[in-house]
N, C-alpha and C. Protein backbone atom coordinates (compact mmCIF):
# COMPACT_ATOMS: atom_id res chain seq x y z
N MET A 1 -53.68 -52.60 60.75
CA MET A 1 -54.43 -52.15 59.61
C MET A 1 -53.66 -51.09 58.84
N LEU A 2 -52.84 -50.32 59.56
CA LEU A 2 -52.05 -49.31 58.90
C LEU A 2 -51.06 -49.94 57.92
N MET A 3 -50.49 -51.08 58.30
CA MET A 3 -49.55 -51.79 57.42
C MET A 3 -50.27 -52.36 56.20
N VAL A 4 -51.47 -52.85 56.38
CA VAL A 4 -52.24 -53.38 55.25
C VAL A 4 -52.56 -52.30 54.24
N VAL A 5 -53.00 -51.14 54.73
CA VAL A 5 -53.29 -50.04 53.84
C VAL A 5 -52.01 -49.55 53.16
N ALA A 6 -50.93 -49.55 53.89
CA ALA A 6 -49.64 -49.14 53.30
C ALA A 6 -49.24 -50.03 52.13
N VAL A 7 -49.35 -51.31 52.32
CA VAL A 7 -49.00 -52.26 51.25
C VAL A 7 -49.94 -52.10 50.05
N LEU A 8 -51.25 -51.96 50.33
CA LEU A 8 -52.20 -51.75 49.23
C LEU A 8 -51.94 -50.44 48.51
N ASN A 9 -51.58 -49.39 49.22
CA ASN A 9 -51.25 -48.13 48.58
C ASN A 9 -50.02 -48.24 47.69
N ILE A 10 -49.02 -48.96 48.15
CA ILE A 10 -47.79 -49.11 47.35
C ILE A 10 -48.11 -49.87 46.08
N ILE A 11 -48.87 -50.96 46.18
CA ILE A 11 -49.24 -51.72 44.99
C ILE A 11 -50.11 -50.90 44.07
N TYR A 12 -51.11 -50.21 44.62
CA TYR A 12 -52.02 -49.36 43.90
C TYR A 12 -51.26 -48.25 43.19
N GLY A 13 -50.31 -47.62 43.88
CA GLY A 13 -49.53 -46.53 43.31
C GLY A 13 -48.60 -47.00 42.21
N ILE A 14 -47.96 -48.15 42.39
CA ILE A 14 -47.07 -48.67 41.33
C ILE A 14 -47.88 -48.98 40.08
N GLY A 15 -49.09 -49.51 40.27
CA GLY A 15 -49.95 -49.77 39.11
C GLY A 15 -50.33 -48.49 38.39
N ALA A 16 -50.56 -47.42 39.13
CA ALA A 16 -50.92 -46.14 38.51
C ALA A 16 -49.73 -45.50 37.82
N ILE A 17 -48.52 -45.66 38.40
CA ILE A 17 -47.32 -45.09 37.77
C ILE A 17 -47.00 -45.80 36.47
N SER A 18 -47.21 -47.09 36.42
CA SER A 18 -46.82 -47.87 35.24
C SER A 18 -47.87 -47.84 34.13
N ASP A 19 -48.87 -46.96 34.22
CA ASP A 19 -49.92 -46.83 33.21
C ASP A 19 -50.60 -48.17 32.94
N SER A 20 -50.94 -48.84 33.98
CA SER A 20 -51.60 -50.15 33.89
C SER A 20 -52.97 -50.03 33.27
N THR A 21 -53.46 -51.08 32.64
CA THR A 21 -54.81 -51.07 32.08
C THR A 21 -55.84 -51.41 33.15
N PHE A 22 -55.40 -51.55 34.38
CA PHE A 22 -56.28 -51.84 35.51
C PHE A 22 -57.19 -50.66 35.82
N PHE A 23 -56.74 -49.46 35.54
CA PHE A 23 -57.46 -48.24 35.89
C PHE A 23 -58.30 -47.75 34.72
N VAL A 24 -59.27 -46.89 35.01
CA VAL A 24 -60.11 -46.30 34.00
C VAL A 24 -59.26 -45.39 33.14
N GLY A 25 -59.37 -45.55 31.84
CA GLY A 25 -58.47 -44.83 30.94
C GLY A 25 -58.81 -43.36 30.74
N ASP A 26 -60.06 -42.99 30.59
CA ASP A 26 -60.43 -41.62 30.27
C ASP A 26 -60.90 -40.82 31.47
N ALA A 27 -60.41 -41.15 32.64
CA ALA A 27 -60.85 -40.51 33.87
C ALA A 27 -60.38 -39.06 33.92
N LYS A 28 -61.24 -38.18 34.41
CA LYS A 28 -60.91 -36.77 34.59
C LYS A 28 -60.63 -36.51 36.07
N TYR A 29 -59.51 -35.91 36.35
CA TYR A 29 -59.11 -35.65 37.74
C TYR A 29 -59.23 -34.17 38.05
N ILE A 30 -59.29 -33.85 39.33
CA ILE A 30 -59.41 -32.46 39.74
C ILE A 30 -58.17 -31.69 39.34
N PHE A 31 -57.03 -32.27 39.56
CA PHE A 31 -55.77 -31.70 39.03
C PHE A 31 -54.80 -32.83 38.74
N SER A 32 -53.97 -32.58 37.76
CA SER A 32 -52.90 -33.50 37.33
C SER A 32 -53.48 -34.74 36.65
N ASP A 33 -52.69 -35.84 36.68
CA ASP A 33 -53.12 -37.05 35.98
C ASP A 33 -52.89 -38.26 36.87
N LEU A 34 -53.17 -39.44 36.31
CA LEU A 34 -53.05 -40.69 37.08
C LEU A 34 -51.62 -40.96 37.53
N ASN A 35 -50.67 -40.60 36.72
CA ASN A 35 -49.25 -40.84 37.05
C ASN A 35 -48.85 -40.06 38.30
N THR A 36 -49.26 -38.82 38.39
CA THR A 36 -48.96 -37.99 39.56
C THR A 36 -49.62 -38.57 40.80
N TRP A 37 -50.88 -38.97 40.68
CA TRP A 37 -51.60 -39.54 41.83
C TRP A 37 -50.97 -40.88 42.24
N GLY A 38 -50.42 -41.62 41.27
CA GLY A 38 -49.72 -42.84 41.59
C GLY A 38 -48.51 -42.57 42.47
N TRP A 39 -47.74 -41.54 42.15
CA TRP A 39 -46.58 -41.17 42.96
C TRP A 39 -47.00 -40.72 44.35
N ILE A 40 -48.07 -39.93 44.44
CA ILE A 40 -48.54 -39.46 45.74
C ILE A 40 -48.96 -40.64 46.60
N VAL A 41 -49.71 -41.58 46.05
CA VAL A 41 -50.20 -42.71 46.83
C VAL A 41 -49.05 -43.65 47.19
N THR A 42 -48.08 -43.84 46.30
CA THR A 42 -46.93 -44.69 46.60
C THR A 42 -46.11 -44.10 47.75
N LEU A 43 -45.82 -42.82 47.68
CA LEU A 43 -45.04 -42.20 48.76
C LEU A 43 -45.80 -42.17 50.08
N THR A 44 -47.10 -41.93 50.03
CA THR A 44 -47.91 -41.99 51.25
C THR A 44 -47.90 -43.39 51.83
N GLY A 45 -47.99 -44.41 50.98
CA GLY A 45 -47.93 -45.79 51.46
C GLY A 45 -46.59 -46.13 52.08
N ALA A 46 -45.51 -45.63 51.52
CA ALA A 46 -44.19 -45.91 52.10
C ALA A 46 -44.06 -45.25 53.47
N VAL A 47 -44.55 -44.03 53.62
CA VAL A 47 -44.50 -43.37 54.92
C VAL A 47 -45.41 -44.09 55.91
N GLN A 48 -46.58 -44.53 55.46
CA GLN A 48 -47.50 -45.27 56.33
C GLN A 48 -46.85 -46.57 56.83
N MET A 49 -46.05 -47.19 55.99
CA MET A 49 -45.38 -48.43 56.39
C MET A 49 -44.37 -48.13 57.52
N LEU A 50 -43.61 -47.07 57.38
CA LEU A 50 -42.65 -46.69 58.42
C LEU A 50 -43.38 -46.32 59.70
N VAL A 51 -44.48 -45.61 59.59
CA VAL A 51 -45.27 -45.20 60.76
C VAL A 51 -45.86 -46.43 61.44
N ALA A 52 -46.27 -47.45 60.66
CA ALA A 52 -46.83 -48.65 61.27
C ALA A 52 -45.82 -49.34 62.19
N PHE A 53 -44.54 -49.34 61.79
CA PHE A 53 -43.52 -49.90 62.67
C PHE A 53 -43.39 -49.09 63.96
N GLY A 54 -43.53 -47.77 63.84
CA GLY A 54 -43.50 -46.93 65.02
C GLY A 54 -44.69 -47.16 65.94
N VAL A 55 -45.85 -47.42 65.38
CA VAL A 55 -47.02 -47.71 66.18
C VAL A 55 -46.84 -49.03 66.91
N TRP A 56 -46.26 -50.02 66.23
CA TRP A 56 -45.97 -51.32 66.87
C TRP A 56 -44.98 -51.15 68.01
N ALA A 57 -44.09 -50.17 67.90
CA ALA A 57 -43.11 -49.90 68.97
C ALA A 57 -43.70 -49.04 70.07
N ARG A 58 -44.99 -48.72 69.96
CA ARG A 58 -45.74 -47.93 70.95
C ARG A 58 -45.17 -46.53 71.11
N ASN A 59 -44.80 -45.93 70.01
CA ASN A 59 -44.32 -44.55 70.01
C ASN A 59 -45.52 -43.62 69.82
N THR A 60 -45.70 -42.68 70.74
CA THR A 60 -46.85 -41.79 70.70
C THR A 60 -46.78 -40.86 69.49
N LEU A 61 -45.59 -40.38 69.14
CA LEU A 61 -45.45 -39.54 67.96
C LEU A 61 -45.85 -40.30 66.69
N ALA A 62 -45.46 -41.56 66.59
CA ALA A 62 -45.83 -42.39 65.44
C ALA A 62 -47.34 -42.59 65.38
N THR A 63 -47.98 -42.71 66.56
CA THR A 63 -49.43 -42.86 66.57
C THR A 63 -50.12 -41.65 65.97
N TRP A 64 -49.70 -40.45 66.34
CA TRP A 64 -50.32 -39.25 65.79
C TRP A 64 -49.90 -39.02 64.34
N ALA A 65 -48.71 -39.45 63.97
CA ALA A 65 -48.32 -39.39 62.56
C ALA A 65 -49.19 -40.37 61.75
N GLY A 66 -49.54 -41.51 62.34
CA GLY A 66 -50.43 -42.45 61.67
C GLY A 66 -51.80 -41.85 61.41
N VAL A 67 -52.30 -41.09 62.40
CA VAL A 67 -53.60 -40.40 62.21
C VAL A 67 -53.47 -39.38 61.09
N ALA A 68 -52.37 -38.64 61.07
CA ALA A 68 -52.19 -37.62 60.05
C ALA A 68 -52.07 -38.22 58.66
N PHE A 69 -51.27 -39.27 58.51
CA PHE A 69 -51.09 -39.86 57.21
C PHE A 69 -52.27 -40.67 56.75
N ALA A 70 -53.04 -41.22 57.67
CA ALA A 70 -54.29 -41.89 57.29
C ALA A 70 -55.30 -40.84 56.79
N GLY A 71 -55.32 -39.68 57.42
CA GLY A 71 -56.18 -38.60 56.95
C GLY A 71 -55.75 -38.09 55.59
N LEU A 72 -54.46 -37.93 55.39
CA LEU A 72 -53.92 -37.52 54.09
C LEU A 72 -54.26 -38.54 53.01
N ASN A 73 -54.12 -39.81 53.34
CA ASN A 73 -54.42 -40.86 52.39
C ASN A 73 -55.92 -40.92 52.09
N ALA A 74 -56.76 -40.64 53.09
CA ALA A 74 -58.21 -40.64 52.87
C ALA A 74 -58.57 -39.57 51.86
N ILE A 75 -57.96 -38.40 51.97
CA ILE A 75 -58.22 -37.32 51.01
C ILE A 75 -57.72 -37.73 49.63
N ALA A 76 -56.52 -38.31 49.57
CA ALA A 76 -55.97 -38.76 48.27
C ALA A 76 -56.86 -39.82 47.63
N GLN A 77 -57.40 -40.72 48.42
CA GLN A 77 -58.27 -41.77 47.86
C GLN A 77 -59.56 -41.16 47.31
N LEU A 78 -60.11 -40.16 47.98
CA LEU A 78 -61.29 -39.51 47.47
C LEU A 78 -61.01 -38.79 46.15
N LEU A 79 -59.81 -38.24 46.02
CA LEU A 79 -59.44 -37.57 44.78
C LEU A 79 -59.10 -38.55 43.66
N MET A 80 -58.83 -39.82 44.01
CA MET A 80 -58.54 -40.85 43.00
C MET A 80 -59.75 -41.69 42.62
N ILE A 81 -60.91 -41.34 43.07
CA ILE A 81 -62.11 -42.11 42.76
C ILE A 81 -62.31 -42.29 41.24
N PRO A 82 -62.00 -41.32 40.39
CA PRO A 82 -62.18 -41.57 38.96
C PRO A 82 -61.32 -42.72 38.40
N ALA A 83 -60.21 -43.05 39.06
CA ALA A 83 -59.32 -44.09 38.54
C ALA A 83 -59.89 -45.48 38.77
N TYR A 84 -60.37 -45.75 39.96
CA TYR A 84 -60.93 -47.07 40.28
C TYR A 84 -61.82 -46.88 41.50
N PRO A 85 -63.11 -46.63 41.29
CA PRO A 85 -63.97 -46.17 42.38
C PRO A 85 -64.10 -47.10 43.59
N PHE A 86 -64.31 -48.39 43.37
CA PHE A 86 -64.56 -49.25 44.51
C PHE A 86 -63.30 -49.47 45.37
N LEU A 87 -62.15 -49.57 44.74
CA LEU A 87 -60.90 -49.70 45.49
C LEU A 87 -60.62 -48.43 46.28
N SER A 88 -60.85 -47.28 45.68
CA SER A 88 -60.63 -46.01 46.38
C SER A 88 -61.56 -45.89 47.59
N LEU A 89 -62.82 -46.27 47.43
CA LEU A 89 -63.74 -46.18 48.56
C LEU A 89 -63.43 -47.20 49.63
N ALA A 90 -62.93 -48.37 49.25
CA ALA A 90 -62.53 -49.38 50.24
C ALA A 90 -61.34 -48.89 51.06
N LEU A 91 -60.35 -48.31 50.39
CA LEU A 91 -59.18 -47.80 51.10
C LEU A 91 -59.55 -46.57 51.94
N PHE A 92 -60.49 -45.76 51.45
CA PHE A 92 -60.99 -44.64 52.24
C PHE A 92 -61.62 -45.12 53.54
N SER A 93 -62.44 -46.15 53.47
CA SER A 93 -63.10 -46.67 54.67
C SER A 93 -62.09 -47.27 55.64
N LEU A 94 -61.04 -47.93 55.12
CA LEU A 94 -59.98 -48.44 55.99
C LEU A 94 -59.24 -47.29 56.67
N ASP A 95 -59.02 -46.22 55.95
CA ASP A 95 -58.36 -45.04 56.57
C ASP A 95 -59.19 -44.46 57.69
N VAL A 96 -60.51 -44.40 57.50
CA VAL A 96 -61.37 -43.89 58.55
C VAL A 96 -61.30 -44.80 59.77
N MET A 97 -61.28 -46.11 59.59
CA MET A 97 -61.16 -47.04 60.73
C MET A 97 -59.80 -46.89 61.41
N ILE A 98 -58.73 -46.65 60.64
CA ILE A 98 -57.42 -46.46 61.22
C ILE A 98 -57.39 -45.19 62.08
N ILE A 99 -57.97 -44.12 61.56
CA ILE A 99 -58.02 -42.86 62.33
C ILE A 99 -58.76 -43.09 63.63
N TYR A 100 -59.90 -43.76 63.57
CA TYR A 100 -60.66 -44.03 64.79
C TYR A 100 -59.86 -44.89 65.76
N GLY A 101 -59.26 -45.96 65.28
CA GLY A 101 -58.51 -46.87 66.14
C GLY A 101 -57.33 -46.21 66.81
N LEU A 102 -56.59 -45.42 66.06
CA LEU A 102 -55.41 -44.75 66.63
C LEU A 102 -55.82 -43.62 67.57
N ALA A 103 -56.88 -42.92 67.24
CA ALA A 103 -57.31 -41.80 68.10
C ALA A 103 -57.87 -42.32 69.42
N VAL A 104 -58.60 -43.42 69.39
CA VAL A 104 -59.25 -43.92 70.59
C VAL A 104 -58.33 -44.83 71.41
N HIS A 105 -57.62 -45.73 70.75
CA HIS A 105 -56.82 -46.74 71.45
C HIS A 105 -55.33 -46.56 71.29
N GLY A 106 -54.89 -45.50 70.67
CA GLY A 106 -53.48 -45.33 70.36
C GLY A 106 -52.66 -44.70 71.45
N GLY A 107 -53.25 -44.27 72.57
CA GLY A 107 -52.51 -43.58 73.61
C GLY A 107 -51.57 -44.46 74.37
N HIS A 108 -51.89 -45.73 74.51
CA HIS A 108 -51.06 -46.73 75.23
C HIS A 108 -50.85 -46.38 76.69
N ALA A 109 -51.68 -45.52 77.27
CA ALA A 109 -51.49 -45.13 78.67
C ALA A 109 -52.05 -46.15 79.65
N ASP A 110 -53.07 -46.89 79.27
CA ASP A 110 -53.74 -47.82 80.17
C ASP A 110 -53.19 -49.25 80.03
N GLU A 111 -51.92 -49.39 79.92
CA GLU A 111 -51.31 -50.70 79.72
C GLU A 111 -51.09 -51.38 81.06
N GLU A 112 -51.59 -52.60 81.21
CA GLU A 112 -51.40 -53.34 82.45
C GLU A 112 -50.43 -54.50 82.21
N ALA A 113 -49.61 -54.79 83.18
CA ALA A 113 -48.63 -55.86 83.03
C ALA A 113 -49.17 -57.17 83.49
């Protein structure tokens, strides 16, 4: 799921950077503008993609980095609600599920052969 959210964030961020007509035009943000939020979401998605490979490799540090970056992305999605509300809420809910999944099942300690 972390990889899915990463790909969606990269696509979503590139659309925001390119001033696409997909987003709400007159949206008011807490700070900055849609272009800045596009860069933030794109960079967060790129890091999430790298972290997803670490989680697949069963790296404990990558698991906790996945929790951290999913939390960061959840906050970013809540701040981007004026741009496209339903997509932001959908990605926020995926981030919450990622945090839960990595926190509960990400330890990899109970692995049986």
